[in-house]
Amino acid sequence: MKTKLIAVAVGLVGAFALAPVVQAADADAAQALAKKEGCLKCHAIDKKKEAKSFTDIGKKYAGKADSEAKLLHHITSGEKVKMEDGTEEDHKIIKTKDVAEQKNLIAWILSLK
């Protein structure tokens, strides 16, 4: 019995050690960056403006394996986006090159699901 408990404990420790680290987003810093970068001109947190809300974006990408990569590409590439009125325009590229700030913004958006 004792051996089984030790084996289970070792297995749990190993599972937690290998699990991806999920870092909580700093919501205040993310919102400050969104404001500074002009994201709030078209996006609101929880309602539609000229573009989808951050909450709707978080829901769209929730649970998808490539969500972080897709959002990072979206905010750094300037790709075409379709606006609510059907027009297309280049998405604004965020100016910060600080990867931690970019990842925090993405983590915050994904947390809004």
N, C-alpha and C. Protein backbone atom coordinates (compact mmCIF):
# COMPACT_ATOMS: atom_id res chain seq x y z
N MET A 1 0.83 -1.19 0.00
CA MET A 1 0.00 0.00 0.00
C MET A 1 0.87 1.26 0.00
N LYS A 2 1.89 1.27 0.85
CA LYS A 2 2.78 2.42 0.95
C LYS A 2 3.49 2.66 -0.39
N THR A 3 3.88 1.59 -1.06
CA THR A 3 4.56 1.71 -2.35
C THR A 3 3.64 2.33 -3.39
N LYS A 4 2.37 1.94 -3.37
CA LYS A 4 1.41 2.51 -4.32
C LYS A 4 1.22 4.00 -4.07
N LEU A 5 1.15 4.41 -2.82
CA LEU A 5 0.99 5.83 -2.50
C LEU A 5 2.20 6.63 -2.97
N ILE A 6 3.37 6.08 -2.77
CA ILE A 6 4.59 6.76 -3.22
C ILE A 6 4.58 6.88 -4.74
N ALA A 7 4.20 5.80 -5.42
CA ALA A 7 4.15 5.83 -6.89
C ALA A 7 3.16 6.86 -7.38
N VAL A 8 1.99 6.95 -6.75
CA VAL A 8 0.98 7.94 -7.14
C VAL A 8 1.51 9.35 -6.90
N ALA A 9 2.15 9.57 -5.75
CA ALA A 9 2.69 10.89 -5.42
C ALA A 9 3.76 11.30 -6.43
N VAL A 10 4.66 10.37 -6.76
CA VAL A 10 5.71 10.67 -7.74
C VAL A 10 5.08 10.97 -9.10
N GLY A 11 4.06 10.20 -9.48
CA GLY A 11 3.37 10.44 -10.75
C GLY A 11 2.72 11.81 -10.80
N LEU A 12 2.09 12.21 -9.72
CA LEU A 12 1.44 13.53 -9.68
C LEU A 12 2.47 14.66 -9.76
N VAL A 13 3.55 14.50 -9.01
CA VAL A 13 4.61 15.52 -9.06
C VAL A 13 5.15 15.63 -10.48
N GLY A 14 5.38 14.49 -11.12
CA GLY A 14 5.88 14.50 -12.49
C GLY A 14 4.90 15.13 -13.45
N ALA A 15 3.63 14.85 -13.28
CA ALA A 15 2.61 15.43 -14.16
C ALA A 15 2.56 16.94 -14.03
N PHE A 16 2.64 17.43 -12.81
CA PHE A 16 2.62 18.87 -12.60
C PHE A 16 3.90 19.52 -13.12
N ALA A 17 5.01 18.84 -13.02
CA ALA A 17 6.27 19.38 -13.50
C ALA A 17 6.28 19.50 -15.02
N LEU A 18 5.61 18.57 -15.71
CA LEU A 18 5.60 18.58 -17.17
C LEU A 18 4.46 19.39 -17.75
N ALA A 19 3.49 19.75 -16.94
CA ALA A 19 2.34 20.52 -17.43
C ALA A 19 2.79 21.91 -17.83
N PRO A 20 2.19 22.49 -18.87
CA PRO A 20 2.56 23.85 -19.26
C PRO A 20 2.21 24.84 -18.16
N VAL A 21 3.06 25.80 -18.01
CA VAL A 21 2.84 26.82 -16.99
C VAL A 21 1.86 27.84 -17.55
N VAL A 22 0.74 28.01 -16.88
CA VAL A 22 -0.25 28.98 -17.31
C VAL A 22 -0.05 30.21 -16.44
N GLN A 23 0.25 31.29 -17.06
CA GLN A 23 0.54 32.51 -16.33
C GLN A 23 -0.69 33.41 -16.37
N ALA A 24 -1.06 33.88 -15.22
CA ALA A 24 -2.21 34.79 -15.16
C ALA A 24 -1.82 36.12 -15.80
N ALA A 25 -2.74 36.66 -16.54
CA ALA A 25 -2.50 37.93 -17.20
C ALA A 25 -2.60 39.08 -16.21
N ASP A 26 -1.78 40.07 -16.39
CA ASP A 26 -1.87 41.30 -15.62
C ASP A 26 -2.86 42.20 -16.37
N ALA A 27 -4.11 42.16 -15.93
CA ALA A 27 -5.18 42.86 -16.63
C ALA A 27 -4.93 44.36 -16.71
N ASP A 28 -4.45 44.95 -15.64
CA ASP A 28 -4.21 46.41 -15.65
C ASP A 28 -3.15 46.78 -16.69
N ALA A 29 -2.07 46.00 -16.74
CA ALA A 29 -1.00 46.28 -17.71
C ALA A 29 -1.50 46.05 -19.13
N ALA A 30 -2.29 45.00 -19.33
CA ALA A 30 -2.82 44.71 -20.67
C ALA A 30 -3.74 45.82 -21.14
N GLN A 31 -4.62 46.27 -20.26
CA GLN A 31 -5.55 47.35 -20.64
C GLN A 31 -4.80 48.65 -20.90
N ALA A 32 -3.76 48.91 -20.11
CA ALA A 32 -2.95 50.11 -20.34
C ALA A 32 -2.26 50.04 -21.69
N LEU A 33 -1.74 48.86 -22.04
CA LEU A 33 -1.09 48.69 -23.34
C LEU A 33 -2.10 48.85 -24.47
N ALA A 34 -3.27 48.25 -24.32
CA ALA A 34 -4.32 48.37 -25.34
C ALA A 34 -4.70 49.83 -25.56
N LYS A 35 -4.78 50.57 -24.49
CA LYS A 35 -5.11 52.00 -24.60
C LYS A 35 -3.98 52.75 -25.29
N LYS A 36 -2.74 52.51 -24.83
CA LYS A 36 -1.56 53.19 -25.38
C LYS A 36 -1.39 52.90 -26.87
N GLU A 37 -1.66 51.66 -27.28
CA GLU A 37 -1.45 51.25 -28.67
C GLU A 37 -2.63 51.61 -29.57
N GLY A 38 -3.73 52.13 -29.00
CA GLY A 38 -4.87 52.53 -29.81
C GLY A 38 -5.86 51.42 -30.11
N CYS A 39 -5.71 50.27 -29.44
CA CYS A 39 -6.61 49.14 -29.68
C CYS A 39 -8.05 49.48 -29.30
N LEU A 40 -8.19 50.34 -28.29
CA LEU A 40 -9.53 50.66 -27.79
C LEU A 40 -10.30 51.60 -28.72
N LYS A 41 -9.64 52.07 -29.76
CA LYS A 41 -10.34 52.88 -30.76
C LYS A 41 -11.39 52.03 -31.48
N CYS A 42 -11.02 50.79 -31.79
CA CYS A 42 -11.93 49.91 -32.54
C CYS A 42 -12.53 48.81 -31.68
N HIS A 43 -11.83 48.40 -30.62
CA HIS A 43 -12.29 47.31 -29.76
C HIS A 43 -12.68 47.84 -28.40
N ALA A 44 -13.73 47.28 -27.83
CA ALA A 44 -14.07 47.51 -26.43
C ALA A 44 -13.86 46.18 -25.72
N ILE A 45 -13.87 46.21 -24.41
CA ILE A 45 -13.65 44.97 -23.67
C ILE A 45 -14.82 44.02 -23.83
N ASP A 46 -16.03 44.53 -23.63
CA ASP A 46 -17.18 43.62 -23.58
C ASP A 46 -18.34 43.98 -24.49
N LYS A 47 -18.10 44.89 -25.44
CA LYS A 47 -19.16 45.22 -26.39
C LYS A 47 -18.54 45.51 -27.75
N LYS A 48 -19.32 45.36 -28.77
CA LYS A 48 -18.86 45.59 -30.13
C LYS A 48 -18.75 47.09 -30.39
N LYS A 49 -17.66 47.49 -31.01
CA LYS A 49 -17.49 48.86 -31.49
C LYS A 49 -17.35 48.74 -33.01
N GLU A 50 -16.30 49.31 -33.56
CA GLU A 50 -16.03 49.13 -34.99
C GLU A 50 -15.59 47.70 -35.28
N ALA A 51 -15.06 47.04 -34.27
CA ALA A 51 -14.59 45.66 -34.40
C ALA A 51 -15.11 44.84 -33.22
N LYS A 52 -14.88 43.54 -33.24
CA LYS A 52 -15.33 42.66 -32.16
C LYS A 52 -14.76 43.09 -30.82
N SER A 53 -15.49 42.78 -29.76
CA SER A 53 -14.99 43.06 -28.42
C SER A 53 -13.87 42.08 -28.10
N PHE A 54 -13.03 42.46 -27.14
CA PHE A 54 -11.98 41.55 -26.70
C PHE A 54 -12.59 40.28 -26.11
N THR A 55 -13.74 40.39 -25.47
CA THR A 55 -14.41 39.23 -24.92
C THR A 55 -14.83 38.27 -26.03
N ASP A 56 -15.39 38.79 -27.12
CA ASP A 56 -15.76 37.94 -28.25
C ASP A 56 -14.54 37.28 -28.88
N ILE A 57 -13.44 38.02 -28.95
CA ILE A 57 -12.20 37.46 -29.50
C ILE A 57 -11.70 36.33 -28.59
N GLY A 58 -11.74 36.57 -27.27
CA GLY A 58 -11.33 35.53 -26.33
C GLY A 58 -12.17 34.27 -26.47
N LYS A 59 -13.47 34.44 -26.65
CA LYS A 59 -14.36 33.29 -26.83
C LYS A 59 -14.05 32.55 -28.13
N LYS A 60 -13.77 33.31 -29.19
CA LYS A 60 -13.49 32.70 -30.49
C LYS A 60 -12.27 31.79 -30.43
N TYR A 61 -11.25 32.22 -29.70
CA TYR A 61 -10.00 31.47 -29.66
C TYR A 61 -9.86 30.56 -28.44
N ALA A 62 -10.84 30.53 -27.55
CA ALA A 62 -10.76 29.73 -26.32
C ALA A 62 -10.52 28.26 -26.63
N GLY A 63 -9.52 27.70 -25.99
CA GLY A 63 -9.24 26.28 -26.11
C GLY A 63 -8.55 25.84 -27.38
N LYS A 64 -8.26 26.75 -28.26
CA LYS A 64 -7.59 26.38 -29.52
C LYS A 64 -6.08 26.38 -29.30
N ALA A 65 -5.43 25.34 -29.78
CA ALA A 65 -4.00 25.17 -29.55
C ALA A 65 -3.16 26.30 -30.14
N ASP A 66 -3.59 26.87 -31.23
CA ASP A 66 -2.80 27.91 -31.90
C ASP A 66 -3.29 29.32 -31.62
N SER A 67 -4.10 29.50 -30.60
CA SER A 67 -4.71 30.80 -30.34
C SER A 67 -3.68 31.89 -30.08
N GLU A 68 -2.67 31.59 -29.27
CA GLU A 68 -1.67 32.61 -28.96
C GLU A 68 -0.90 33.02 -30.21
N ALA A 69 -0.51 32.05 -31.01
CA ALA A 69 0.24 32.34 -32.24
C ALA A 69 -0.60 33.16 -33.21
N LYS A 70 -1.88 32.81 -33.35
CA LYS A 70 -2.75 33.55 -34.27
C LYS A 70 -2.94 34.99 -33.80
N LEU A 71 -3.17 35.18 -32.51
CA LEU A 71 -3.36 36.55 -32.01
C LEU A 71 -2.07 37.35 -32.10
N LEU A 72 -0.92 36.72 -31.83
CA LEU A 72 0.35 37.42 -31.96
C LEU A 72 0.55 37.88 -33.41
N HIS A 73 0.28 36.99 -34.35
CA HIS A 73 0.39 37.36 -35.77
C HIS A 73 -0.56 38.52 -36.09
N HIS A 74 -1.76 38.43 -35.56
CA HIS A 74 -2.78 39.45 -35.86
C HIS A 74 -2.36 40.84 -35.39
N ILE A 75 -1.76 40.92 -34.21
CA ILE A 75 -1.43 42.25 -33.66
C ILE A 75 -0.07 42.76 -34.14
N THR A 76 0.72 41.90 -34.83
CA THR A 76 2.05 42.33 -35.25
C THR A 76 2.27 42.32 -36.76
N SER A 77 1.28 41.87 -37.55
CA SER A 77 1.53 41.71 -38.99
C SER A 77 0.88 42.77 -39.87
N GLY A 78 -0.17 43.41 -39.39
CA GLY A 78 -0.87 44.39 -40.23
C GLY A 78 -1.74 43.77 -41.29
N GLU A 79 -2.16 42.52 -41.09
CA GLU A 79 -2.99 41.84 -42.08
C GLU A 79 -4.33 42.56 -42.26
N LYS A 80 -4.98 42.27 -43.37
CA LYS A 80 -6.31 42.85 -43.64
C LYS A 80 -7.33 42.27 -42.68
N VAL A 81 -8.24 43.13 -42.22
CA VAL A 81 -9.33 42.70 -41.36
C VAL A 81 -10.63 43.25 -41.93
N LYS A 82 -11.69 42.47 -41.74
CA LYS A 82 -13.00 42.91 -42.20
C LYS A 82 -13.68 43.62 -41.04
N MET A 83 -14.13 44.82 -41.30
CA MET A 83 -14.81 45.61 -40.28
C MET A 83 -16.29 45.23 -40.24
N GLU A 84 -16.96 45.66 -39.20
CA GLU A 84 -18.38 45.33 -39.02
C GLU A 84 -19.24 45.84 -40.17
N ASP A 85 -18.83 46.93 -40.82
CA ASP A 85 -19.62 47.46 -41.93
C ASP A 85 -19.29 46.79 -43.26
N GLY A 86 -18.40 45.77 -43.23
CA GLY A 86 -18.06 45.02 -44.44
C GLY A 86 -16.82 45.52 -45.15
N THR A 87 -16.32 46.68 -44.79
CA THR A 87 -15.10 47.18 -45.42
C THR A 87 -13.89 46.44 -44.87
N GLU A 88 -12.80 46.51 -45.60
CA GLU A 88 -11.55 45.91 -45.16
C GLU A 88 -10.51 46.99 -45.00
N GLU A 89 -9.66 46.79 -43.99
CA GLU A 89 -8.54 47.69 -43.81
C GLU A 89 -7.41 46.94 -43.12
N ASP A 90 -6.22 47.52 -43.18
CA ASP A 90 -5.08 46.90 -42.52
C ASP A 90 -5.24 47.04 -41.01
N HIS A 91 -5.03 45.94 -40.30
CA HIS A 91 -5.09 45.99 -38.84
C HIS A 91 -3.86 46.75 -38.35
N LYS A 92 -4.04 47.59 -37.39
CA LYS A 92 -2.93 48.36 -36.84
C LYS A 92 -1.94 47.43 -36.14
N ILE A 93 -0.68 47.67 -36.36
CA ILE A 93 0.39 46.90 -35.72
C ILE A 93 0.74 47.57 -34.40
N ILE A 94 0.80 46.78 -33.34
CA ILE A 94 1.20 47.39 -32.07
C ILE A 94 2.68 47.73 -32.13
N LYS A 95 3.05 48.83 -31.50
CA LYS A 95 4.41 49.34 -31.59
C LYS A 95 5.38 48.65 -30.65
N THR A 96 4.88 48.17 -29.52
CA THR A 96 5.80 47.57 -28.56
C THR A 96 6.44 46.31 -29.13
N LYS A 97 7.72 46.19 -28.93
CA LYS A 97 8.46 44.99 -29.34
C LYS A 97 8.77 44.13 -28.12
N ASP A 98 8.26 44.54 -26.96
CA ASP A 98 8.45 43.80 -25.73
C ASP A 98 7.57 42.54 -25.77
N VAL A 99 8.20 41.40 -25.92
CA VAL A 99 7.48 40.13 -26.06
C VAL A 99 6.61 39.85 -24.83
N ALA A 100 7.11 40.19 -23.66
CA ALA A 100 6.33 39.96 -22.43
C ALA A 100 5.05 40.79 -22.44
N GLU A 101 5.12 42.03 -22.92
CA GLU A 101 3.92 42.86 -23.01
C GLU A 101 2.94 42.30 -24.04
N GLN A 102 3.47 41.85 -25.18
CA GLN A 102 2.62 41.26 -26.21
C GLN A 102 1.92 40.01 -25.68
N LYS A 103 2.69 39.14 -25.02
CA LYS A 103 2.12 37.89 -24.49
C LYS A 103 1.10 38.18 -23.39
N ASN A 104 1.36 39.20 -22.57
CA ASN A 104 0.41 39.55 -21.52
C ASN A 104 -0.90 40.04 -22.12
N LEU A 105 -0.81 40.86 -23.16
CA LEU A 105 -2.02 41.35 -23.83
C LEU A 105 -2.83 40.17 -24.37
N ILE A 106 -2.15 39.24 -25.01
CA ILE A 106 -2.82 38.07 -25.58
C ILE A 106 -3.43 37.21 -24.48
N ALA A 107 -2.68 36.98 -23.41
CA ALA A 107 -3.19 36.18 -22.29
C ALA A 107 -4.43 36.83 -21.69
N TRP A 108 -4.41 38.14 -21.59
CA TRP A 108 -5.57 38.86 -21.04
C TRP A 108 -6.78 38.70 -21.95
N ILE A 109 -6.59 38.88 -23.25
CA ILE A 109 -7.71 38.72 -24.19
C ILE A 109 -8.27 37.31 -24.08
N LEU A 110 -7.40 36.30 -24.05
CA LEU A 110 -7.86 34.92 -23.96
C LEU A 110 -8.55 34.61 -22.63
N SER A 111 -8.21 35.37 -21.59
CA SER A 111 -8.84 35.15 -20.28
C SER A 111 -10.27 35.69 -20.23
N LEU A 112 -10.66 36.51 -21.20
CA LEU A 112 -11.97 37.15 -21.19
C LEU A 112 -13.08 36.24 -21.69
N LYS A 113 -12.77 35.05 -22.08
CA LYS A 113 -13.76 34.12 -22.63
C LYS A 113 -14.84 33.87 -21.65
